[in-house]
N, C-alpha and C. Protein backbone atom coordinates (compact mmCIF):
# COMPACT_ATOMS: atom_id res chain seq x y z
N MET A 1 104.42 3.69 -47.86
CA MET A 1 103.30 4.41 -48.48
C MET A 1 102.80 5.48 -47.52
N GLY A 2 102.67 6.67 -48.03
CA GLY A 2 102.25 7.76 -47.18
C GLY A 2 100.82 7.56 -46.69
N LYS A 3 100.55 7.98 -45.48
CA LYS A 3 99.22 7.81 -44.90
C LYS A 3 98.21 8.65 -45.68
N GLY A 4 97.09 8.05 -46.01
CA GLY A 4 96.03 8.77 -46.70
C GLY A 4 96.23 8.89 -48.19
N LYS A 5 97.30 8.29 -48.73
CA LYS A 5 97.56 8.37 -50.16
C LYS A 5 97.20 7.06 -50.83
N GLY A 6 96.73 7.16 -52.08
CA GLY A 6 96.41 5.97 -52.83
C GLY A 6 97.66 5.30 -53.34
N LEU A 7 97.50 4.06 -53.80
CA LEU A 7 98.65 3.29 -54.28
C LEU A 7 99.32 3.97 -55.47
N LEU A 8 98.53 4.50 -56.40
CA LEU A 8 99.11 5.13 -57.58
C LEU A 8 100.00 6.31 -57.21
N GLU A 9 99.49 7.17 -56.35
CA GLU A 9 100.24 8.34 -55.92
C GLU A 9 101.50 7.93 -55.16
N SER A 10 101.38 6.92 -54.32
CA SER A 10 102.52 6.46 -53.53
C SER A 10 103.63 5.88 -54.42
N VAL A 11 103.22 5.10 -55.44
CA VAL A 11 104.21 4.52 -56.37
C VAL A 11 104.97 5.64 -57.07
N GLN A 12 104.23 6.67 -57.50
CA GLN A 12 104.87 7.80 -58.19
C GLN A 12 105.88 8.49 -57.27
N GLU A 13 105.51 8.69 -56.02
CA GLU A 13 106.40 9.38 -55.09
C GLU A 13 107.64 8.56 -54.77
N ILE A 14 107.44 7.25 -54.60
CA ILE A 14 108.59 6.37 -54.32
C ILE A 14 109.56 6.38 -55.50
N ALA A 15 109.03 6.38 -56.72
CA ALA A 15 109.88 6.42 -57.91
C ALA A 15 110.70 7.71 -57.93
N LYS A 16 110.04 8.83 -57.63
CA LYS A 16 110.73 10.12 -57.62
C LYS A 16 111.81 10.17 -56.54
N GLU A 17 111.48 9.65 -55.36
CA GLU A 17 112.44 9.65 -54.25
C GLU A 17 113.69 8.86 -54.58
N ASN A 18 113.52 7.81 -55.38
CA ASN A 18 114.66 6.98 -55.75
C ASN A 18 115.24 7.36 -57.11
N LYS A 19 114.84 8.56 -57.59
CA LYS A 19 115.36 9.13 -58.83
C LYS A 19 115.11 8.24 -60.05
N PHE A 20 113.94 7.56 -60.05
CA PHE A 20 113.50 6.81 -61.21
C PHE A 20 112.49 7.66 -61.99
N ASN A 21 112.33 7.33 -63.24
CA ASN A 21 111.35 8.03 -64.05
C ASN A 21 109.96 7.55 -63.66
N PRO A 22 109.15 8.38 -63.03
CA PRO A 22 107.82 7.93 -62.57
C PRO A 22 106.91 7.47 -63.70
N LYS A 23 107.17 7.94 -64.92
CA LYS A 23 106.32 7.55 -66.06
C LYS A 23 106.47 6.06 -66.38
N LYS A 24 107.58 5.46 -65.95
CA LYS A 24 107.80 4.04 -66.21
C LYS A 24 107.16 3.15 -65.15
N TYR A 25 106.63 3.78 -64.12
CA TYR A 25 106.03 3.01 -63.02
C TYR A 25 104.58 3.43 -62.83
N ARG A 26 103.84 3.33 -63.92
CA ARG A 26 102.43 3.70 -63.88
C ARG A 26 101.55 2.46 -64.02
N ILE A 27 100.53 2.38 -63.19
CA ILE A 27 99.56 1.30 -63.27
C ILE A 27 98.21 1.96 -63.51
N ASP A 28 97.63 1.69 -64.65
CA ASP A 28 96.39 2.35 -65.03
C ASP A 28 95.19 1.44 -64.78
N PRO A 29 94.36 1.74 -63.79
CA PRO A 29 93.20 0.89 -63.50
C PRO A 29 92.21 0.83 -64.65
N VAL A 30 92.13 1.90 -65.45
CA VAL A 30 91.22 1.89 -66.61
C VAL A 30 91.68 0.85 -67.62
N GLU A 31 93.00 0.74 -67.81
CA GLU A 31 93.54 -0.27 -68.73
C GLU A 31 93.32 -1.68 -68.18
N ILE A 32 93.37 -1.82 -66.87
CA ILE A 32 93.11 -3.12 -66.24
C ILE A 32 91.67 -3.56 -66.53
N VAL A 33 90.75 -2.63 -66.40
CA VAL A 33 89.34 -2.93 -66.69
C VAL A 33 89.16 -3.30 -68.16
N ALA A 34 89.84 -2.57 -69.04
CA ALA A 34 89.72 -2.84 -70.48
C ALA A 34 90.24 -4.23 -70.81
N GLU A 35 91.35 -4.63 -70.22
CA GLU A 35 91.90 -5.97 -70.48
C GLU A 35 90.97 -7.05 -69.93
N THR A 36 90.41 -6.80 -68.75
CA THR A 36 89.48 -7.77 -68.16
C THR A 36 88.25 -7.94 -69.04
N GLU A 37 87.68 -6.84 -69.49
CA GLU A 37 86.50 -6.91 -70.36
C GLU A 37 86.81 -7.65 -71.66
N LYS A 38 88.01 -7.44 -72.19
CA LYS A 38 88.41 -8.13 -73.41
C LYS A 38 88.40 -9.64 -73.22
N ILE A 39 88.93 -10.09 -72.08
CA ILE A 39 88.96 -11.52 -71.77
C ILE A 39 87.53 -12.06 -71.63
N LEU A 40 86.70 -11.32 -70.91
CA LEU A 40 85.34 -11.79 -70.63
C LEU A 40 84.46 -11.78 -71.87
N ARG A 41 84.81 -10.98 -72.87
CA ARG A 41 84.03 -10.91 -74.11
C ARG A 41 84.46 -11.94 -75.15
N GLU A 42 85.54 -12.67 -74.89
CA GLU A 42 86.06 -13.59 -75.89
C GLU A 42 85.08 -14.71 -76.23
N ASP A 43 84.52 -15.32 -75.19
CA ASP A 43 83.66 -16.48 -75.42
C ASP A 43 82.78 -16.71 -74.20
N TYR A 44 81.52 -17.00 -74.45
CA TYR A 44 80.52 -17.16 -73.40
C TYR A 44 80.87 -18.29 -72.43
N THR A 45 81.12 -19.48 -72.97
CA THR A 45 81.40 -20.63 -72.10
C THR A 45 82.69 -20.43 -71.32
N GLN A 46 83.69 -19.85 -71.96
CA GLN A 46 84.94 -19.58 -71.26
C GLN A 46 84.71 -18.66 -70.06
N THR A 47 83.89 -17.64 -70.26
CA THR A 47 83.60 -16.72 -69.16
C THR A 47 82.84 -17.41 -68.04
N LEU A 48 81.93 -18.30 -68.41
CA LEU A 48 81.22 -19.08 -67.38
C LEU A 48 82.20 -19.92 -66.57
N MET A 49 83.14 -20.55 -67.24
CA MET A 49 84.11 -21.40 -66.55
C MET A 49 85.01 -20.57 -65.64
N ILE A 50 85.44 -19.41 -66.12
CA ILE A 50 86.25 -18.52 -65.28
C ILE A 50 85.46 -18.10 -64.05
N SER A 51 84.18 -17.78 -64.26
CA SER A 51 83.32 -17.38 -63.14
C SER A 51 83.19 -18.50 -62.13
N ALA A 52 83.06 -19.74 -62.62
CA ALA A 52 82.92 -20.89 -61.73
C ALA A 52 84.19 -21.09 -60.90
N VAL A 53 85.34 -20.93 -61.55
CA VAL A 53 86.62 -21.09 -60.86
C VAL A 53 86.76 -20.05 -59.75
N LEU A 54 86.48 -18.80 -60.08
CA LEU A 54 86.61 -17.73 -59.09
C LEU A 54 85.58 -17.87 -57.98
N GLY A 55 84.37 -18.35 -58.33
CA GLY A 55 83.35 -18.58 -57.32
C GLY A 55 83.76 -19.63 -56.31
N GLN A 56 84.39 -20.70 -56.81
CA GLN A 56 84.87 -21.75 -55.92
C GLN A 56 86.01 -21.24 -55.04
N MET A 57 86.86 -20.39 -55.63
CA MET A 57 88.01 -19.88 -54.89
C MET A 57 87.61 -18.91 -53.78
N VAL A 58 86.56 -18.11 -54.02
CA VAL A 58 86.16 -17.16 -52.99
C VAL A 58 85.51 -17.88 -51.82
N GLU A 59 85.00 -19.09 -52.06
CA GLU A 59 84.41 -19.89 -50.98
C GLU A 59 85.46 -20.76 -50.27
N ALA A 60 86.66 -20.82 -50.84
CA ALA A 60 87.72 -21.66 -50.28
C ALA A 60 88.25 -21.06 -48.98
N ARG A 61 89.12 -21.80 -48.33
CA ARG A 61 89.75 -21.35 -47.10
C ARG A 61 91.26 -21.33 -47.27
N GLY A 62 91.91 -20.51 -46.47
CA GLY A 62 93.36 -20.48 -46.48
C GLY A 62 93.96 -19.76 -47.68
N LYS A 63 95.13 -20.20 -48.10
CA LYS A 63 95.89 -19.53 -49.16
C LYS A 63 95.20 -19.60 -50.52
N LYS A 64 94.35 -20.60 -50.72
CA LYS A 64 93.69 -20.76 -52.01
C LYS A 64 92.49 -19.83 -52.19
N ARG A 65 92.13 -19.12 -51.13
CA ARG A 65 90.93 -18.28 -51.21
C ARG A 65 91.17 -17.04 -52.06
N PHE A 66 90.23 -16.75 -52.94
CA PHE A 66 90.24 -15.53 -53.74
C PHE A 66 89.70 -14.42 -52.85
N PRO A 67 90.45 -13.33 -52.64
CA PRO A 67 89.99 -12.28 -51.73
C PRO A 67 88.61 -11.75 -52.12
N PRO A 68 87.67 -11.71 -51.19
CA PRO A 68 86.32 -11.23 -51.50
C PRO A 68 86.27 -9.88 -52.21
N PRO A 69 87.07 -8.86 -51.78
CA PRO A 69 87.01 -7.58 -52.51
C PRO A 69 87.32 -7.74 -54.00
N ALA A 70 88.30 -8.59 -54.32
CA ALA A 70 88.64 -8.82 -55.72
C ALA A 70 87.50 -9.54 -56.44
N PHE A 71 86.84 -10.45 -55.74
CA PHE A 71 85.70 -11.15 -56.34
C PHE A 71 84.55 -10.18 -56.59
N PHE A 72 84.31 -9.27 -55.66
CA PHE A 72 83.25 -8.29 -55.84
C PHE A 72 83.55 -7.40 -57.05
N ALA A 73 84.82 -7.07 -57.24
CA ALA A 73 85.21 -6.28 -58.42
C ALA A 73 84.94 -7.09 -59.69
N PHE A 74 85.21 -8.39 -59.64
CA PHE A 74 84.95 -9.26 -60.79
C PHE A 74 83.47 -9.29 -61.13
N ILE A 75 82.62 -9.36 -60.11
CA ILE A 75 81.17 -9.36 -60.33
C ILE A 75 80.75 -8.06 -61.02
N GLU A 76 81.36 -6.96 -60.62
CA GLU A 76 81.05 -5.68 -61.27
C GLU A 76 81.48 -5.70 -62.73
N MET A 77 82.61 -6.33 -63.02
CA MET A 77 83.07 -6.44 -64.40
C MET A 77 82.09 -7.27 -65.23
N LEU A 78 81.59 -8.34 -64.64
CA LEU A 78 80.62 -9.19 -65.34
C LEU A 78 79.37 -8.40 -65.71
N SER A 79 78.95 -7.51 -64.82
CA SER A 79 77.72 -6.76 -65.06
C SER A 79 77.86 -5.78 -66.21
N MET A 80 79.11 -5.50 -66.60
CA MET A 80 79.35 -4.58 -67.71
C MET A 80 79.41 -5.29 -69.06
N VAL A 81 79.44 -6.62 -69.02
CA VAL A 81 79.65 -7.39 -70.26
C VAL A 81 78.33 -7.97 -70.75
N SER A 82 78.07 -7.79 -72.02
CA SER A 82 76.89 -8.38 -72.66
C SER A 82 77.23 -8.74 -74.10
N ASP A 83 76.33 -9.44 -74.76
CA ASP A 83 76.51 -9.82 -76.17
C ASP A 83 77.81 -10.58 -76.40
N VAL A 84 78.12 -11.51 -75.51
CA VAL A 84 79.33 -12.32 -75.66
C VAL A 84 79.06 -13.46 -76.62
N PRO A 85 79.96 -13.69 -77.61
CA PRO A 85 79.74 -14.79 -78.56
C PRO A 85 79.75 -16.13 -77.87
N ARG A 86 78.90 -17.02 -78.33
CA ARG A 86 78.78 -18.34 -77.72
C ARG A 86 79.60 -19.37 -78.48
N ASP A 87 80.52 -20.02 -77.79
CA ASP A 87 81.24 -21.17 -78.32
C ASP A 87 81.83 -20.93 -79.70
N THR A 88 82.52 -19.82 -79.85
CA THR A 88 83.15 -19.55 -81.14
C THR A 88 84.39 -20.42 -81.34
N LYS A 89 84.92 -20.91 -80.26
CA LYS A 89 86.06 -21.81 -80.35
C LYS A 89 86.07 -22.71 -79.12
N SER A 90 86.87 -23.76 -79.19
CA SER A 90 86.94 -24.70 -78.08
C SER A 90 88.24 -24.47 -77.31
N GLU A 91 88.12 -23.94 -76.10
CA GLU A 91 89.30 -23.67 -75.29
C GLU A 91 89.73 -24.92 -74.53
N THR A 92 91.02 -25.08 -74.38
CA THR A 92 91.54 -26.18 -73.58
C THR A 92 91.48 -25.78 -72.11
N SER A 93 91.58 -26.78 -71.26
CA SER A 93 91.56 -26.49 -69.82
C SER A 93 92.74 -25.60 -69.44
N THR A 94 93.85 -25.77 -70.14
CA THR A 94 95.04 -24.94 -69.87
C THR A 94 94.77 -23.49 -70.22
N GLU A 95 94.12 -23.26 -71.36
CA GLU A 95 93.80 -21.89 -71.78
C GLU A 95 92.86 -21.22 -70.80
N ILE A 96 91.86 -21.95 -70.34
CA ILE A 96 90.92 -21.38 -69.37
C ILE A 96 91.62 -21.08 -68.06
N GLU A 97 92.50 -21.99 -67.64
CA GLU A 97 93.25 -21.78 -66.40
C GLU A 97 94.14 -20.54 -66.51
N GLU A 98 94.77 -20.36 -67.68
CA GLU A 98 95.63 -19.20 -67.88
C GLU A 98 94.83 -17.91 -67.83
N ARG A 99 93.66 -17.91 -68.46
CA ARG A 99 92.83 -16.71 -68.45
C ARG A 99 92.26 -16.44 -67.07
N ALA A 100 91.89 -17.49 -66.35
CA ALA A 100 91.38 -17.32 -64.99
C ALA A 100 92.48 -16.74 -64.09
N THR A 101 93.70 -17.24 -64.26
CA THR A 101 94.84 -16.73 -63.49
C THR A 101 95.07 -15.26 -63.79
N ARG A 102 94.97 -14.90 -65.06
CA ARG A 102 95.17 -13.50 -65.46
C ARG A 102 94.08 -12.61 -64.87
N VAL A 103 92.84 -13.08 -64.87
CA VAL A 103 91.75 -12.30 -64.30
C VAL A 103 91.96 -12.11 -62.80
N ILE A 104 92.44 -13.14 -62.13
CA ILE A 104 92.74 -13.03 -60.70
C ILE A 104 93.78 -11.94 -60.47
N GLU A 105 94.84 -11.95 -61.27
CA GLU A 105 95.89 -10.93 -61.16
C GLU A 105 95.33 -9.53 -61.39
N LEU A 106 94.49 -9.41 -62.42
CA LEU A 106 93.92 -8.11 -62.76
C LEU A 106 93.00 -7.59 -61.67
N MET A 107 92.15 -8.46 -61.12
CA MET A 107 91.19 -8.02 -60.13
C MET A 107 91.84 -7.68 -58.79
N THR A 108 92.84 -8.46 -58.38
CA THR A 108 93.51 -8.15 -57.12
C THR A 108 94.29 -6.83 -57.24
N THR A 109 94.85 -6.58 -58.42
CA THR A 109 95.54 -5.31 -58.65
C THR A 109 94.55 -4.17 -58.69
N LEU A 110 93.43 -4.38 -59.37
CA LEU A 110 92.43 -3.32 -59.50
C LEU A 110 91.92 -2.84 -58.15
N VAL A 111 91.54 -3.77 -57.27
CA VAL A 111 90.99 -3.33 -55.98
C VAL A 111 92.05 -2.65 -55.12
N SER A 112 93.32 -3.01 -55.33
CA SER A 112 94.38 -2.34 -54.57
C SER A 112 94.56 -0.90 -55.03
N LEU A 113 94.13 -0.62 -56.27
CA LEU A 113 94.26 0.72 -56.83
C LEU A 113 93.07 1.62 -56.57
N ILE A 114 91.86 1.08 -56.72
CA ILE A 114 90.66 1.92 -56.66
C ILE A 114 90.07 2.04 -55.26
N CYS A 115 90.52 1.17 -54.34
CA CYS A 115 90.00 1.21 -52.97
C CYS A 115 91.06 1.70 -52.00
N GLU A 116 90.60 2.33 -50.94
CA GLU A 116 91.50 2.74 -49.87
C GLU A 116 91.56 1.62 -48.85
N TRP A 117 92.78 1.32 -48.38
CA TRP A 117 92.98 0.18 -47.50
C TRP A 117 93.60 0.58 -46.18
N SER A 118 93.36 -0.25 -45.18
CA SER A 118 94.02 -0.13 -43.89
C SER A 118 94.30 -1.55 -43.42
N GLU A 119 94.79 -1.68 -42.20
CA GLU A 119 95.04 -3.01 -41.65
C GLU A 119 93.76 -3.83 -41.55
N LYS A 120 92.63 -3.15 -41.49
CA LYS A 120 91.35 -3.83 -41.38
C LYS A 120 90.75 -4.20 -42.74
N GLY A 121 91.43 -3.81 -43.81
CA GLY A 121 90.92 -4.12 -45.15
C GLY A 121 90.46 -2.87 -45.88
N VAL A 122 89.45 -3.02 -46.73
CA VAL A 122 88.92 -1.90 -47.51
C VAL A 122 88.16 -0.94 -46.60
N ILE A 123 88.51 0.35 -46.69
CA ILE A 123 87.85 1.34 -45.83
C ILE A 123 87.22 2.47 -46.64
N GLY A 124 87.24 2.34 -47.94
CA GLY A 124 86.62 3.39 -48.76
C GLY A 124 87.14 3.40 -50.18
N VAL A 125 86.88 4.49 -50.88
CA VAL A 125 87.32 4.67 -52.25
C VAL A 125 88.63 5.45 -52.24
N ALA A 126 89.61 5.00 -53.01
CA ALA A 126 90.91 5.67 -53.05
C ALA A 126 90.75 7.09 -53.60
N THR A 127 91.52 8.01 -53.06
CA THR A 127 91.42 9.41 -53.50
C THR A 127 91.78 9.57 -54.96
N ASP A 128 92.67 8.72 -55.48
CA ASP A 128 93.08 8.83 -56.87
C ASP A 128 92.38 7.82 -57.78
N CYS A 129 91.27 7.27 -57.31
CA CYS A 129 90.48 6.36 -58.14
C CYS A 129 89.86 7.16 -59.28
N PRO A 130 90.01 6.69 -60.53
CA PRO A 130 89.40 7.40 -61.66
C PRO A 130 87.89 7.54 -61.47
N GLU A 131 87.34 8.63 -61.92
CA GLU A 131 85.91 8.89 -61.76
C GLU A 131 85.06 7.79 -62.36
N SER A 132 85.52 7.24 -63.50
CA SER A 132 84.74 6.20 -64.19
C SER A 132 84.67 4.89 -63.41
N LEU A 133 85.54 4.73 -62.41
CA LEU A 133 85.58 3.48 -61.64
C LEU A 133 85.14 3.67 -60.18
N ARG A 134 84.70 4.86 -59.85
CA ARG A 134 84.31 5.12 -58.46
C ARG A 134 83.09 4.30 -58.05
N GLU A 135 82.17 4.08 -58.98
CA GLU A 135 80.99 3.29 -58.65
C GLU A 135 81.38 1.85 -58.37
N VAL A 136 82.35 1.34 -59.13
CA VAL A 136 82.86 -0.02 -58.89
C VAL A 136 83.50 -0.09 -57.51
N ALA A 137 84.32 0.91 -57.19
CA ALA A 137 85.00 0.94 -55.89
C ALA A 137 83.98 1.01 -54.75
N ARG A 138 82.93 1.80 -54.94
CA ARG A 138 81.89 1.91 -53.91
C ARG A 138 81.19 0.58 -53.70
N ALA A 139 80.93 -0.12 -54.80
CA ALA A 139 80.26 -1.42 -54.70
C ALA A 139 81.15 -2.42 -53.97
N VAL A 140 82.44 -2.42 -54.26
CA VAL A 140 83.38 -3.31 -53.60
C VAL A 140 83.43 -3.00 -52.10
N PHE A 141 83.51 -1.72 -51.77
CA PHE A 141 83.55 -1.31 -50.36
C PHE A 141 82.28 -1.72 -49.64
N ARG A 142 81.12 -1.44 -50.26
CA ARG A 142 79.84 -1.74 -49.63
C ARG A 142 79.66 -3.24 -49.37
N LYS A 143 79.98 -4.06 -50.38
CA LYS A 143 79.80 -5.51 -50.23
C LYS A 143 80.82 -6.10 -49.25
N THR A 144 82.02 -5.51 -49.22
CA THR A 144 83.04 -5.99 -48.28
C THR A 144 82.61 -5.69 -46.84
N LYS A 145 82.08 -4.49 -46.61
CA LYS A 145 81.61 -4.13 -45.27
C LYS A 145 80.46 -5.04 -44.84
N LEU A 146 79.57 -5.34 -45.77
CA LEU A 146 78.46 -6.25 -45.45
C LEU A 146 78.98 -7.62 -45.05
N LEU A 147 79.96 -8.11 -45.80
CA LEU A 147 80.52 -9.43 -45.49
C LEU A 147 81.21 -9.43 -44.13
N GLN A 148 81.89 -8.35 -43.81
CA GLN A 148 82.53 -8.25 -42.50
C GLN A 148 81.50 -8.29 -41.38
N GLY A 149 80.28 -7.88 -41.72
CA GLY A 149 79.19 -7.92 -40.74
C GLY A 149 78.37 -9.19 -40.81
N GLY A 150 78.87 -10.18 -41.58
CA GLY A 150 78.18 -11.46 -41.67
C GLY A 150 77.07 -11.52 -42.70
N LEU A 151 77.06 -10.54 -43.62
CA LEU A 151 76.02 -10.50 -44.65
C LEU A 151 76.62 -10.71 -46.03
N TRP A 152 75.81 -11.25 -46.93
CA TRP A 152 76.27 -11.55 -48.29
C TRP A 152 75.26 -11.02 -49.31
N THR A 153 75.76 -10.48 -50.41
CA THR A 153 74.89 -10.02 -51.49
C THR A 153 74.76 -11.15 -52.51
N CYS A 154 73.57 -11.70 -52.66
CA CYS A 154 73.33 -12.81 -53.58
C CYS A 154 73.78 -12.43 -54.99
N ILE A 155 74.59 -13.28 -55.63
CA ILE A 155 75.09 -12.96 -56.97
C ILE A 155 74.01 -13.10 -58.04
N SER A 156 72.86 -13.62 -57.67
CA SER A 156 71.77 -13.76 -58.63
C SER A 156 70.77 -12.61 -58.53
N CYS A 157 70.09 -12.51 -57.41
CA CYS A 157 69.02 -11.51 -57.28
C CYS A 157 69.49 -10.21 -56.65
N GLY A 158 70.66 -10.24 -56.00
CA GLY A 158 71.18 -9.02 -55.39
C GLY A 158 70.66 -8.76 -53.99
N ASN A 159 69.82 -9.64 -53.47
CA ASN A 159 69.31 -9.46 -52.12
C ASN A 159 70.41 -9.70 -51.09
N ILE A 160 70.32 -9.01 -49.98
CA ILE A 160 71.29 -9.16 -48.90
C ILE A 160 70.76 -10.17 -47.89
N VAL A 161 71.55 -11.21 -47.63
CA VAL A 161 71.15 -12.28 -46.73
C VAL A 161 72.28 -12.61 -45.77
N GLU A 162 71.97 -13.41 -44.77
CA GLU A 162 73.01 -13.87 -43.85
C GLU A 162 74.01 -14.72 -44.64
N ALA A 163 75.29 -14.47 -44.45
CA ALA A 163 76.32 -15.19 -45.19
C ALA A 163 76.23 -16.70 -44.95
N ARG A 164 75.86 -17.08 -43.76
CA ARG A 164 75.79 -18.51 -43.45
C ARG A 164 74.57 -19.18 -44.10
N GLU A 165 73.65 -18.36 -44.60
CA GLU A 165 72.45 -18.91 -45.24
C GLU A 165 72.52 -18.78 -46.75
N THR A 166 73.66 -19.16 -47.31
CA THR A 166 73.85 -19.10 -48.77
C THR A 166 74.35 -20.45 -49.27
N LYS A 167 74.19 -20.66 -50.56
CA LYS A 167 74.68 -21.86 -51.20
C LYS A 167 75.18 -21.47 -52.58
N ALA A 168 76.43 -21.82 -52.87
CA ALA A 168 77.05 -21.47 -54.16
C ALA A 168 76.96 -19.96 -54.41
N LEU A 169 77.16 -19.19 -53.36
CA LEU A 169 77.19 -17.72 -53.41
C LEU A 169 75.82 -17.09 -53.66
N MET A 170 74.77 -17.89 -53.58
CA MET A 170 73.41 -17.38 -53.80
C MET A 170 72.57 -17.57 -52.55
N CYS A 171 71.49 -16.78 -52.48
CA CYS A 171 70.55 -16.99 -51.39
C CYS A 171 69.85 -18.33 -51.64
N LEU A 172 69.26 -18.88 -50.62
CA LEU A 172 68.64 -20.20 -50.74
C LEU A 172 67.49 -20.21 -51.73
N ASP A 173 66.75 -19.11 -51.83
CA ASP A 173 65.63 -19.05 -52.77
C ASP A 173 66.13 -19.17 -54.21
N CYS A 174 67.18 -18.42 -54.55
CA CYS A 174 67.72 -18.48 -55.92
C CYS A 174 68.33 -19.84 -56.21
N ASP A 175 68.98 -20.41 -55.21
CA ASP A 175 69.57 -21.73 -55.42
C ASP A 175 68.50 -22.77 -55.73
N LYS A 176 67.37 -22.66 -55.04
CA LYS A 176 66.28 -23.61 -55.29
C LYS A 176 65.72 -23.46 -56.70
N LYS A 177 65.65 -22.22 -57.17
CA LYS A 177 65.07 -21.96 -58.49
C LYS A 177 65.88 -22.56 -59.63
N ILE A 178 67.20 -22.70 -59.42
CA ILE A 178 68.03 -23.20 -60.52
C ILE A 178 68.57 -24.61 -60.27
N SER A 179 68.25 -25.20 -59.12
CA SER A 179 68.82 -26.50 -58.76
C SER A 179 68.44 -27.61 -59.72
N SER A 180 67.31 -27.45 -60.42
CA SER A 180 66.87 -28.50 -61.33
C SER A 180 67.32 -28.28 -62.77
N SER A 181 68.03 -27.18 -63.04
CA SER A 181 68.49 -26.90 -64.40
C SER A 181 69.49 -27.96 -64.85
N ARG A 182 69.44 -28.31 -66.13
CA ARG A 182 70.25 -29.42 -66.62
C ARG A 182 71.63 -29.03 -67.10
N SER A 183 71.79 -27.83 -67.65
CA SER A 183 73.09 -27.44 -68.19
C SER A 183 73.58 -26.17 -67.50
N ILE A 184 74.87 -25.91 -67.64
CA ILE A 184 75.44 -24.72 -67.02
C ILE A 184 74.84 -23.46 -67.63
N GLU A 185 74.52 -23.52 -68.96
CA GLU A 185 73.90 -22.37 -69.60
C GLU A 185 72.51 -22.13 -69.04
N ASP A 186 71.73 -23.22 -68.88
CA ASP A 186 70.37 -23.10 -68.33
C ASP A 186 70.43 -22.53 -66.92
N ARG A 187 71.35 -23.05 -66.12
CA ARG A 187 71.46 -22.59 -64.74
C ARG A 187 71.80 -21.11 -64.70
N PHE A 188 72.72 -20.71 -65.56
CA PHE A 188 73.15 -19.32 -65.55
C PHE A 188 72.04 -18.38 -66.01
N GLU A 189 71.38 -18.72 -67.11
CA GLU A 189 70.41 -17.80 -67.69
C GLU A 189 69.11 -17.74 -66.90
N SER A 190 68.88 -18.71 -66.03
CA SER A 190 67.64 -18.70 -65.26
C SER A 190 67.84 -18.15 -63.85
N LEU A 191 69.00 -17.64 -63.55
CA LEU A 191 69.25 -17.11 -62.22
C LEU A 191 68.23 -16.03 -61.88
N GLY A 192 67.54 -16.21 -60.80
CA GLY A 192 66.58 -15.22 -60.35
C GLY A 192 65.29 -15.22 -61.13
N GLY A 193 65.19 -16.06 -62.17
CA GLY A 193 63.96 -16.14 -62.93
C GLY A 193 63.66 -14.94 -63.78
N ARG A 194 64.71 -14.14 -64.12
CA ARG A 194 64.49 -12.95 -64.92
C ARG A 194 65.40 -12.99 -66.15
N ASP A 195 65.19 -12.07 -67.07
CA ASP A 195 65.96 -12.06 -68.32
C ASP A 195 67.32 -11.44 -68.09
N ARG A 196 68.33 -12.10 -68.64
CA ARG A 196 69.67 -11.58 -68.53
C ARG A 196 69.93 -10.52 -69.60
N ILE A 197 70.52 -9.40 -69.20
CA ILE A 197 70.97 -8.42 -70.18
C ILE A 197 72.49 -8.30 -70.12
N GLY A 198 73.12 -9.11 -69.30
CA GLY A 198 74.57 -9.13 -69.16
C GLY A 198 74.92 -10.10 -68.06
N TYR A 199 76.17 -10.52 -67.99
CA TYR A 199 76.59 -11.41 -66.91
C TYR A 199 76.36 -10.71 -65.59
N GLY A 200 75.67 -11.40 -64.68
CA GLY A 200 75.49 -10.83 -63.35
C GLY A 200 74.54 -9.65 -63.29
N ARG A 201 73.79 -9.41 -64.38
CA ARG A 201 72.89 -8.26 -64.39
C ARG A 201 71.56 -8.70 -64.96
N THR A 202 70.48 -8.29 -64.34
CA THR A 202 69.16 -8.72 -64.79
C THR A 202 68.26 -7.54 -65.03
N SER A 203 67.21 -7.78 -65.80
CA SER A 203 66.17 -6.77 -65.98
C SER A 203 64.88 -7.35 -65.43
N GLU A 204 64.07 -6.50 -64.86
CA GLU A 204 62.82 -6.98 -64.26
C GLU A 204 61.87 -7.49 -65.34
């Protein structure tokens, strides 16, 4: 991959160098986002379960860990989704696992496309990142840099806290507010004590 070039541009050049049709080797980050949103809009409970799986994986260690930049991209996708139908069908654990696996694939691919990388990880927004996704890329870069500095952005209230002073990816204050909730729906909708207008997004 050429220095300073994004993944999309590099793939196109490699295809040309090897006399392949570059049009057959295109990865569209906008289409990746569209497919992700489609999955997340299918069913409310399914999306909650996928979120729980990815949340556990980003806290894991070793090979099972979901890369934080990909998780941050997922959080941005959640913030774009609202009005998801509740329990329109009953998914099996296998179906949820398949969809969670697909979301993992989509998010890891997405961050490789929209972010600029080096040996140290994410270092900025890719030059060929679509304009519509630049804000997502900036959020991924910003949160990744904070984490590298030992800081974490609470997935509930959005406050920046010490990474070691979090529980279930939330600041201790938000965790306390929802610790007594009885159902997963109650816990989710009461995050931060404000009204939800979308997954991962609140209104004052």
